[in-house]
Amino acid sequence: MTGLGALAPIIERKRAEAAALHCGRAAMFAHAANLEHAPAIERILAGGTVIAELKRRSPSGGVLRADLDAVAVAEAYEAAGAVAISVLTDGPDFGGSLDDLVAVRGAVEVPVLRKDFVVAPVQVAEARVAGADWVLLIAVVFDDNELEEVMDAARRCGAGALVEVHTDSDLDRALGAGAECIGVNNRDLTTLGTDLATFARLRSRIPAGVVTVAESGVHDAADVTRLVGEGADAVLVGEALMRAANPAPALAAMVAAAEAAGASRTRR
């Protein structure tokens, strides 16, 4: 895809990483196909919930938590009410790894999302073999055929797919490919700028029955209340929690806000 802006060098690197997996592709898909299907993402994310993210750094935020103990924080997230845990597995730009995902999957009961820049179906199988229940698929990375292929790979591997969009054209393509769970990223990955108003604008175009997740730009419980009130079934929060001196109480406040806003929305 063209026009990737700041995302282009990351995607180029990811294509090389995916190519290196090609020799083990058949074995990974065979392994993934024998795993029990992950919990359905569209059933778990509903009514106002929070997905809590683990990452050490990011291109937009710099160093967030260099000494992150992924297992300890994941366990604290689960205890604080996270409905799922997102694990950044990219190394060069985010300081993560598949080892983090494997360790977190072994430590918590809630679903685990592999957050990375997936560019090929083999990375979906890789994610499942490492223990991911769900995978993030960024719509702008793929053409229409490629998006359908990676979504089909997720189905074949028994994984849930969170299809991320930022623009109207992204959303049209995600819906056209049959996405059942859409993440609206308030961050423009081509410029790294963030605008919370992006969520409400795109949410108005998402049909009933499609689960919607608000991503990026969430600083506190008030932002969570706003986004759930605007129709988010779940809010994904990372940087604010990673910067908090103690992530667990910060998350607990956001979970309470999400649940209250979700209950209020249901009563309307």
C-alpha atoms as a PDB file:
ATOM      1  CA  MET A   1       0.000   0.000   0.000  1.00  0.00           C
ATOM      2  CA  THR A   2       1.159   3.544  -0.721  1.00  0.00           C
ATOM      3  CA  GLY A   3       0.787   6.640   1.431  1.00  0.00           C
ATOM      4  CA  LEU A   4       1.834   4.964   4.673  1.00  0.00           C
ATOM      5  CA  GLY A   5       3.859   7.962   5.845  1.00  0.00           C
ATOM      6  CA  ALA A   6       5.600   7.309   9.160  1.00  0.00           C
ATOM      7  CA  LEU A   7       4.353   3.726   9.040  1.00  0.00           C
ATOM      8  CA  ALA A   8       6.244   2.854   5.835  1.00  0.00           C
ATOM      9  CA  PRO A   9       9.619   1.821   7.332  1.00  0.00           C
ATOM     10  CA  ILE A  10       7.904  -0.338   9.943  1.00  0.00           C
ATOM     11  CA  ILE A  11       5.835  -2.119   7.296  1.00  0.00           C
ATOM     12  CA  GLU A  12       8.899  -2.673   5.118  1.00  0.00           C
ATOM     13  CA  ARG A  13      10.651  -4.291   8.069  1.00  0.00           C
ATOM     14  CA  LYS A  14       7.582  -6.403   8.856  1.00  0.00           C
ATOM     15  CA  ARG A  15       7.423  -7.730   5.315  1.00  0.00           C
ATOM     16  CA  ALA A  16      10.984  -8.971   5.722  1.00  0.00           C
ATOM     17  CA  GLU A  17      10.066 -10.584   9.054  1.00  0.00           C
ATOM     18  CA  ALA A  18       7.052 -12.305   7.462  1.00  0.00           C
ATOM     19  CA  ALA A  19       9.178 -13.561   4.565  1.00  0.00           C
ATOM     20  CA  ALA A  20      11.566 -15.160   7.053  1.00  0.00           C
ATOM     21  CA  LEU A  21       8.648 -17.202   8.445  1.00  0.00           C
ATOM     22  CA  HIS A  22       7.710 -18.677   5.084  1.00  0.00           C
ATOM     23  CA  CYS A  23       9.603 -21.961   5.514  1.00  0.00           C
ATOM     24  CA  GLY A  24       7.721 -22.766   8.708  1.00  0.00           C
ATOM     25  CA  ARG A  25       4.354 -21.596   7.390  1.00  0.00           C
ATOM     26  CA  ALA A  26       2.723 -25.013   6.908  1.00  0.00           C
ATOM     27  CA  ALA A  27       3.765 -26.266  10.328  1.00  0.00           C
ATOM     28  CA  MET A  28       2.509 -23.125  12.067  1.00  0.00           C
ATOM     29  CA  PHE A  29      -0.874 -23.278  10.351  1.00  0.00           C
ATOM     30  CA  ALA A  30      -1.183 -26.990  11.169  1.00  0.00           C
ATOM     31  CA  HIS A  31      -0.371 -26.300  14.824  1.00  0.00           C
ATOM     32  CA  ALA A  32      -2.769 -23.355  15.001  1.00  0.00           C
ATOM     33  CA  ALA A  33      -5.576 -25.378  13.397  1.00  0.00           C
ATOM     34  CA  ASN A  34      -5.348 -27.933  16.212  1.00  0.00           C
ATOM     35  CA  LEU A  35      -5.725 -25.351  18.970  1.00  0.00           C
ATOM     36  CA  GLU A  36      -9.033 -24.739  20.718  1.00  0.00           C
ATOM     37  CA  HIS A  37     -10.754 -21.706  19.217  1.00  0.00           C
ATOM     38  CA  ALA A  38     -10.209 -18.461  21.099  1.00  0.00           C
ATOM     39  CA  PRO A  39     -13.113 -16.692  22.840  1.00  0.00           C
ATOM     40  CA  ALA A  40     -15.181 -14.804  20.258  1.00  0.00           C
ATOM     41  CA  ILE A  41     -13.995 -11.206  20.331  1.00  0.00           C
ATOM     42  CA  GLU A  42     -17.433  -9.838  19.487  1.00  0.00           C
ATOM     43  CA  ARG A  43     -18.964 -11.619  22.496  1.00  0.00           C
ATOM     44  CA  ILE A  44     -16.336 -10.602  25.030  1.00  0.00           C
ATOM     45  CA  LEU A  45     -16.184  -6.900  24.114  1.00  0.00           C
ATOM     46  CA  ALA A  46     -19.583  -5.436  24.843  1.00  0.00           C
ATOM     47  CA  GLY A  47     -21.320  -2.926  27.039  1.00  0.00           C
ATOM     48  CA  GLY A  48     -18.389  -0.751  28.082  1.00  0.00           C
ATOM     49  CA  THR A  49     -15.098  -2.464  28.893  1.00  0.00           C
ATOM     50  CA  VAL A  50     -11.356  -1.782  28.849  1.00  0.00           C
ATOM     51  CA  ILE A  51      -8.527  -3.581  27.053  1.00  0.00           C
ATOM     52  CA  ALA A  52      -5.277  -2.806  28.871  1.00  0.00           C
ATOM     53  CA  GLU A  53      -2.049  -2.685  26.909  1.00  0.00           C
ATOM     54  CA  LEU A  54       1.567  -3.560  27.650  1.00  0.00           C
ATOM     55  CA  LYS A  55       4.355  -1.712  25.839  1.00  0.00           C
ATOM     56  CA  ARG A  56       7.751  -0.387  26.817  1.00  0.00           C
ATOM     57  CA  ARG A  57       8.025   2.424  24.291  1.00  0.00           C
ATOM     58  CA  SER A  58       6.509   3.748  21.077  1.00  0.00           C
ATOM     59  CA  PRO A  59       7.529   6.015  18.180  1.00  0.00           C
ATOM     60  CA  SER A  60       5.022   8.662  19.277  1.00  0.00           C
ATOM     61  CA  GLY A  61       5.473   8.430  23.058  1.00  0.00           C
ATOM     62  CA  GLY A  62       9.144   7.515  23.436  1.00  0.00           C
ATOM     63  CA  VAL A  63      10.166   5.439  26.456  1.00  0.00           C
ATOM     64  CA  LEU A  64       7.095   4.605  28.537  1.00  0.00           C
ATOM     65  CA  ARG A  65       8.178   1.856  30.934  1.00  0.00           C
ATOM     66  CA  ALA A  66      11.626   0.519  30.143  1.00  0.00           C
ATOM     67  CA  ASP A  67      11.627  -1.810  33.165  1.00  0.00           C
ATOM     68  CA  LEU A  68       8.242  -3.348  32.366  1.00  0.00           C
ATOM     69  CA  ASP A  69       7.622  -6.725  34.010  1.00  0.00           C
ATOM     70  CA  ALA A  70       5.014  -7.928  31.538  1.00  0.00           C
ATOM     71  CA  VAL A  71       3.704 -10.772  33.677  1.00  0.00           C
ATOM     72  CA  ALA A  72       3.415  -8.766  36.900  1.00  0.00           C
ATOM     73  CA  VAL A  73       1.598  -5.893  35.192  1.00  0.00           C
ATOM     74  CA  ALA A  74      -0.653  -8.257  33.216  1.00  0.00           C
ATOM     75  CA  GLU A  75      -1.693  -9.953  36.445  1.00  0.00           C
ATOM     76  CA  ALA A  76      -2.382  -6.549  37.995  1.00  0.00           C
ATOM     77  CA  TYR A  77      -4.419  -5.572  34.928  1.00  0.00           C
ATOM     78  CA  GLU A  78      -6.526  -8.703  35.211  1.00  0.00           C
ATOM     79  CA  ALA A  79      -7.142  -8.106  38.912  1.00  0.00           C
ATOM     80  CA  ALA A  80      -8.141  -4.503  38.166  1.00  0.00           C
ATOM     81  CA  GLY A  81     -10.840  -5.609  35.727  1.00  0.00           C
ATOM     82  CA  ALA A  82      -9.295  -5.563  32.244  1.00  0.00           C
ATOM     83  CA  VAL A  83     -11.514  -7.526  29.859  1.00  0.00           C
ATOM     84  CA  ALA A  84      -8.470  -8.422  27.739  1.00  0.00           C
ATOM     85  CA  ILE A  85      -4.760  -7.632  27.570  1.00  0.00           C
ATOM     86  CA  SER A  86      -3.003  -6.252  24.513  1.00  0.00           C
ATOM     87  CA  VAL A  87       0.670  -7.155  24.178  1.00  0.00           C
ATOM     88  CA  LEU A  88       2.963  -5.215  21.833  1.00  0.00           C
ATOM     89  CA  THR A  89       5.228  -7.805  20.234  1.00  0.00           C
ATOM     90  CA  ASP A  90       7.268  -5.538  17.946  1.00  0.00           C
ATOM     91  CA  GLY A  91      10.872  -5.252  19.141  1.00  0.00           C
ATOM     92  CA  PRO A  92      12.670  -2.399  17.360  1.00  0.00           C
ATOM     93  CA  ASP A  93      10.008   0.287  17.828  1.00  0.00           C
ATOM     94  CA  PHE A  94       8.080  -0.893  20.885  1.00  0.00           C
ATOM     95  CA  GLY A  95      10.533  -2.994  22.903  1.00  0.00           C
ATOM     96  CA  GLY A  96       8.283  -6.041  22.863  1.00  0.00           C
ATOM     97  CA  SER A  97       8.562  -9.649  21.747  1.00  0.00           C
ATOM     98  CA  LEU A  98       6.576 -12.830  21.282  1.00  0.00           C
ATOM     99  CA  ASP A  99       8.202 -13.980  24.524  1.00  0.00           C
ATOM    100  CA  ASP A 100       6.152 -11.313  26.320  1.00  0.00           C
ATOM    101  CA  LEU A 101       2.993 -12.691  24.740  1.00  0.00           C
ATOM    102  CA  VAL A 102       3.833 -16.282  25.654  1.00  0.00           C
ATOM    103  CA  ALA A 103       4.546 -15.276  29.252  1.00  0.00           C
ATOM    104  CA  VAL A 104       1.388 -13.190  29.607  1.00  0.00           C
ATOM    105  CA  ARG A 105      -0.797 -15.912  28.054  1.00  0.00           C
ATOM    106  CA  GLY A 106       0.519 -18.314  30.680  1.00  0.00           C
ATOM    107  CA  ALA A 107      -0.193 -15.919  33.536  1.00  0.00           C
ATOM    108  CA  VAL A 108      -3.755 -14.647  32.945  1.00  0.00           C
ATOM    109  CA  GLU A 109      -7.193 -16.052  32.155  1.00  0.00           C
ATOM    110  CA  VAL A 110      -8.561 -13.151  30.088  1.00  0.00           C
ATOM    111  CA  PRO A 111      -8.039 -13.070  26.301  1.00  0.00           C
ATOM    112  CA  VAL A 112      -4.721 -11.785  24.962  1.00  0.00           C
ATOM    113  CA  LEU A 113      -4.429  -9.641  21.840  1.00  0.00           C
ATOM    114  CA  ARG A 114      -1.284  -9.635  19.729  1.00  0.00           C
ATOM    115  CA  LYS A 115      -0.696  -5.977  18.903  1.00  0.00           C
ATOM    116  CA  ASP A 116       1.761  -5.719  16.035  1.00  0.00           C
ATOM    117  CA  PHE A 117       1.948  -4.766  12.376  1.00  0.00           C
ATOM    118  CA  VAL A 118       0.695  -7.943  10.736  1.00  0.00           C
ATOM    119  CA  VAL A 119       1.361  -7.921   6.992  1.00  0.00           C
ATOM    120  CA  ALA A 120       0.845 -11.593   6.042  1.00  0.00           C
ATOM    121  CA  PRO A 121      -1.333 -14.592   7.023  1.00  0.00           C
ATOM    122  CA  VAL A 122       1.657 -16.495   8.420  1.00  0.00           C
ATOM    123  CA  GLN A 123       1.963 -13.922  11.222  1.00  0.00           C
ATOM    124  CA  VAL A 124      -1.584 -14.746  12.300  1.00  0.00           C
ATOM    125  CA  ALA A 125      -0.626 -18.413  12.650  1.00  0.00           C
ATOM    126  CA  GLU A 126       2.538 -17.348  14.480  1.00  0.00           C
ATOM    127  CA  ALA A 127       0.424 -15.333  16.908  1.00  0.00           C
ATOM    128  CA  ARG A 128      -1.893 -18.262  17.656  1.00  0.00           C
ATOM    129  CA  VAL A 129       0.990 -20.660  18.214  1.00  0.00           C
ATOM    130  CA  ALA A 130       2.478 -18.149  20.682  1.00  0.00           C
ATOM    131  CA  GLY A 131      -0.829 -18.017  22.570  1.00  0.00           C
ATOM    132  CA  ALA A 132      -2.667 -15.000  21.168  1.00  0.00           C
ATOM    133  CA  ASP A 133      -6.446 -15.240  21.214  1.00  0.00           C
ATOM    134  CA  TRP A 134      -6.922 -12.200  18.997  1.00  0.00           C
ATOM    135  CA  VAL A 135      -4.826 -10.345  16.424  1.00  0.00           C
ATOM    136  CA  LEU A 136      -4.781  -6.713  15.341  1.00  0.00           C
ATOM    137  CA  LEU A 137      -5.122  -6.157  11.588  1.00  0.00           C
ATOM    138  CA  ILE A 138      -4.501  -2.579  10.415  1.00  0.00           C
ATOM    139  CA  ALA A 139      -6.671  -1.963   7.355  1.00  0.00           C
ATOM    140  CA  VAL A 140      -4.394   0.606   5.688  1.00  0.00           C
ATOM    141  CA  VAL A 141      -1.585  -1.951   5.483  1.00  0.00           C
ATOM    142  CA  PHE A 142      -3.514  -4.198   3.079  1.00  0.00           C
ATOM    143  CA  ASP A 143      -5.231  -4.000  -0.265  1.00  0.00           C
ATOM    144  CA  ASP A 144      -8.742  -5.498  -0.395  1.00  0.00           C
ATOM    145  CA  ASN A 145      -7.613  -9.021  -1.317  1.00  0.00           C
ATOM    146  CA  GLU A 146      -4.862  -9.045   1.303  1.00  0.00           C
ATOM    147  CA  LEU A 147      -7.282  -7.927   4.031  1.00  0.00           C
ATOM    148  CA  GLU A 148      -9.656 -10.750   3.170  1.00  0.00           C
ATOM    149  CA  GLU A 149      -6.738 -13.208   3.200  1.00  0.00           C
ATOM    150  CA  VAL A 150      -5.505 -12.257   6.675  1.00  0.00           C
ATOM    151  CA  MET A 151      -9.061 -12.267   8.036  1.00  0.00           C
ATOM    152  CA  ASP A 152      -9.549 -15.730   6.558  1.00  0.00           C
ATOM    153  CA  ALA A 153      -6.278 -16.812   8.182  1.00  0.00           C
ATOM    154  CA  ALA A 154      -7.612 -15.644  11.535  1.00  0.00           C
ATOM    155  CA  ARG A 155     -10.777 -17.698  11.048  1.00  0.00           C
ATOM    156  CA  ARG A 156      -8.782 -20.775  10.037  1.00  0.00           C
ATOM    157  CA  CYS A 157      -6.570 -20.395  13.088  1.00  0.00           C
ATOM    158  CA  GLY A 158      -9.499 -19.880  15.454  1.00  0.00           C
ATOM    159  CA  ALA A 159      -8.410 -16.335  16.306  1.00  0.00           C
ATOM    160  CA  GLY A 160     -10.447 -13.189  16.720  1.00  0.00           C
ATOM    161  CA  ALA A 161      -9.618 -10.244  14.452  1.00  0.00           C
ATOM    162  CA  LEU A 162      -9.679  -6.614  15.565  1.00  0.00           C
ATOM    163  CA  VAL A 163      -9.625  -4.699  12.273  1.00  0.00           C
ATOM    164  CA  GLU A 164      -8.234  -1.213  12.832  1.00  0.00           C
ATOM    165  CA  VAL A 165      -9.386   1.820  10.828  1.00  0.00           C
ATOM    166  CA  HIS A 166      -8.655   5.542  10.885  1.00  0.00           C
ATOM    167  CA  THR A 167     -10.321   6.921   7.759  1.00  0.00           C
ATOM    168  CA  ASP A 168     -13.606   6.513   5.920  1.00  0.00           C
ATOM    169  CA  SER A 169     -11.914   4.495   3.207  1.00  0.00           C
ATOM    170  CA  ASP A 170     -10.364   2.183   5.826  1.00  0.00           C
ATOM    171  CA  LEU A 171     -13.800   1.676   7.337  1.00  0.00           C
ATOM    172  CA  ASP A 172     -15.441   0.966   3.979  1.00  0.00           C
ATOM    173  CA  ARG A 173     -12.839  -1.698   3.240  1.00  0.00           C
ATOM    174  CA  ALA A 174     -13.119  -3.278   6.699  1.00  0.00           C
ATOM    175  CA  LEU A 175     -16.887  -3.519   6.448  1.00  0.00           C
ATOM    176  CA  GLY A 176     -16.644  -4.794   2.880  1.00  0.00           C
ATOM    177  CA  ALA A 177     -14.340  -7.574   4.085  1.00  0.00           C
ATOM    178  CA  GLY A 178     -16.899  -8.597   6.719  1.00  0.00           C
ATOM    179  CA  ALA A 179     -15.155  -7.356   9.869  1.00  0.00           C
ATOM    180  CA  GLU A 180     -17.199  -8.125  12.983  1.00  0.00           C
ATOM    181  CA  CYS A 181     -14.977  -6.153  15.339  1.00  0.00           C
ATOM    182  CA  ILE A 182     -13.572  -2.767  14.299  1.00  0.00           C
ATOM    183  CA  GLY A 183     -11.034  -0.677  16.166  1.00  0.00           C
ATOM    184  CA  VAL A 184     -11.194   3.047  15.479  1.00  0.00           C
ATOM    185  CA  ASN A 185      -7.706   4.424  15.969  1.00  0.00           C
ATOM    186  CA  ASN A 186      -7.757   8.066  16.996  1.00  0.00           C
ATOM    187  CA  ARG A 187      -4.094   8.225  15.985  1.00  0.00           C
ATOM    188  CA  ASP A 188      -3.206   8.885  12.367  1.00  0.00           C
ATOM    189  CA  LEU A 189      -0.402   6.374  11.848  1.00  0.00           C
ATOM    190  CA  THR A 190       0.956   8.329   8.889  1.00  0.00           C
ATOM    191  CA  THR A 191       1.581  11.476  10.981  1.00  0.00           C
ATOM    192  CA  LEU A 192       1.282  10.082  14.553  1.00  0.00           C
ATOM    193  CA  GLY A 193      -1.133  12.917  15.462  1.00  0.00           C
ATOM    194  CA  THR A 194      -4.112  12.078  17.714  1.00  0.00           C
ATOM    195  CA  ASP A 195      -7.686  13.401  17.732  1.00  0.00           C
ATOM    196  CA  LEU A 196     -10.377  11.812  19.929  1.00  0.00           C
ATOM    197  CA  ALA A 197     -13.081  13.243  17.661  1.00  0.00           C
ATOM    198  CA  THR A 198     -12.103  10.633  15.073  1.00  0.00           C
ATOM    199  CA  PHE A 199     -13.948   7.963  17.020  1.00  0.00           C
ATOM    200  CA  ALA A 200     -17.384   9.594  17.089  1.00  0.00           C
ATOM    201  CA  ARG A 201     -17.178  10.534  13.417  1.00  0.00           C
ATOM    202  CA  LEU A 202     -16.446   6.992  12.253  1.00  0.00           C
ATOM    203  CA  ARG A 203     -18.631   5.318  14.872  1.00  0.00           C
ATOM    204  CA  SER A 204     -21.676   6.972  13.325  1.00  0.00           C
ATOM    205  CA  ARG A 205     -21.009   4.975  10.150  1.00  0.00           C
ATOM    206  CA  ILE A 206     -20.535   1.569  11.765  1.00  0.00           C
ATOM    207  CA  PRO A 207     -23.640  -0.642  11.570  1.00  0.00           C
ATOM    208  CA  ALA A 208     -25.382  -2.031  14.620  1.00  0.00           C
ATOM    209  CA  GLY A 209     -24.033  -5.451  15.510  1.00  0.00           C
ATOM    210  CA  VAL A 210     -20.420  -4.618  14.668  1.00  0.00           C
ATOM    211  CA  VAL A 211     -18.404  -4.408  17.883  1.00  0.00           C
ATOM    212  CA  THR A 212     -16.419  -1.182  18.065  1.00  0.00           C
ATOM    213  CA  VAL A 213     -13.239  -0.448  20.013  1.00  0.00           C
ATOM    214  CA  ALA A 214     -11.837   3.052  20.587  1.00  0.00           C
ATOM    215  CA  GLU A 215      -8.044   3.172  20.421  1.00  0.00           C
ATOM    216  CA  SER A 216      -5.354   5.779  21.235  1.00  0.00           C
ATOM    217  CA  GLY A 217      -5.417   9.187  22.867  1.00  0.00           C
ATOM    218  CA  VAL A 218      -7.055   7.990  26.094  1.00  0.00           C
ATOM    219  CA  HIS A 219      -5.540   9.764  29.087  1.00  0.00           C
ATOM    220  CA  ASP A 220      -7.964   9.205  31.957  1.00  0.00           C
ATOM    221  CA  ALA A 221     -11.356   7.955  33.112  1.00  0.00           C
ATOM    222  CA  ALA A 222     -13.079  11.017  31.651  1.00  0.00           C
ATOM    223  CA  ASP A 223     -11.860  10.061  28.171  1.00  0.00           C
ATOM    224  CA  VAL A 224     -13.168   6.532  28.705  1.00  0.00           C
ATOM    225  CA  THR A 225     -16.562   7.884  29.766  1.00  0.00           C
ATOM    226  CA  ARG A 226     -16.677  10.068  26.662  1.00  0.00           C
ATOM    227  CA  LEU A 227     -15.781   7.281  24.235  1.00  0.00           C
ATOM    228  CA  VAL A 228     -18.155   4.696  25.703  1.00  0.00           C
ATOM    229  CA  GLY A 229     -20.878   7.336  25.702  1.00  0.00           C
ATOM    230  CA  GLU A 230     -20.167   7.870  22.006  1.00  0.00           C
ATOM    231  CA  GLY A 231     -20.671   4.182  21.301  1.00  0.00           C
ATOM    232  CA  ALA A 232     -17.446   2.339  22.100  1.00  0.00           C
ATOM    233  CA  ASP A 233     -18.045  -1.225  23.235  1.00  0.00           C
ATOM    234  CA  ALA A 234     -14.490  -1.250  24.565  1.00  0.00           C
ATOM    235  CA  VAL A 235     -11.638   1.203  24.952  1.00  0.00           C
ATOM    236  CA  LEU A 236      -8.026   0.153  24.442  1.00  0.00           C
ATOM    237  CA  VAL A 237      -5.630   2.003  26.758  1.00  0.00           C
ATOM    238  CA  GLY A 238      -1.863   1.716  26.758  1.00  0.00           C
ATOM    239  CA  GLU A 239       0.321   4.789  27.125  1.00  0.00           C
ATOM    240  CA  ALA A 240      -1.604   6.338  30.038  1.00  0.00           C
ATOM    241  CA  LEU A 241      -1.324   3.101  32.011  1.00  0.00           C
ATOM    242  CA  MET A 242       2.336   2.592  31.175  1.00  0.00           C
ATOM    243  CA  ARG A 243       3.139   6.120  32.372  1.00  0.00           C
ATOM    244  CA  ALA A 244       1.196   5.716  35.632  1.00  0.00           C
ATOM    245  CA  ALA A 245       3.246   5.168  38.778  1.00  0.00           C
ATOM    246  CA  ASN A 246       0.862   2.324  39.616  1.00  0.00           C
ATOM    247  CA  PRO A 247      -1.092   1.085  36.596  1.00  0.00           C
ATOM    248  CA  ALA A 248      -3.626  -1.018  38.523  1.00  0.00           C
ATOM    249  CA  PRO A 249      -5.547   1.803  40.287  1.00  0.00           C
ATOM    250  CA  ALA A 250      -5.460   3.904  37.132  1.00  0.00           C
ATOM    251  CA  LEU A 251      -6.974   0.998  35.200  1.00  0.00           C
ATOM    252  CA  ALA A 252      -9.564   0.277  37.908  1.00  0.00           C
ATOM    253  CA  ALA A 253     -10.822   3.865  37.620  1.00  0.00           C
ATOM    254  CA  MET A 254     -11.117   3.504  33.837  1.00  0.00           C
ATOM    255  CA  VAL A 255     -12.919   0.162  34.131  1.00  0.00           C
ATOM    256  CA  ALA A 256     -15.423   1.693  36.569  1.00  0.00           C
ATOM    257  CA  ALA A 257     -15.953   4.622  34.198  1.00  0.00           C
ATOM    258  CA  ALA A 258     -16.481   2.298  31.227  1.00  0.00           C
ATOM    259  CA  GLU A 259     -18.985   0.154  33.083  1.00  0.00           C
ATOM    260  CA  ALA A 260     -20.936   3.180  34.335  1.00  0.00           C
ATOM    261  CA  ALA A 261     -21.032   4.779  30.893  1.00  0.00           C
ATOM    262  CA  GLY A 262     -22.034   1.503  29.302  1.00  0.00           C
ATOM    263  CA  ALA A 263     -24.863   0.997  31.782  1.00  0.00           C
ATOM    264  CA  SER A 264     -26.067   4.560  31.215  1.00  0.00           C
ATOM    265  CA  ARG A 265     -26.040   4.030  27.453  1.00  0.00           C
ATOM    266  CA  THR A 266     -28.067   0.836  27.777  1.00  0.00           C
ATOM    267  CA  ARG A 267     -30.782   2.600  29.790  1.00  0.00           C
ATOM    268  CA  ARG A 268     -31.346   5.253  27.104  1.00  0.00           C
END
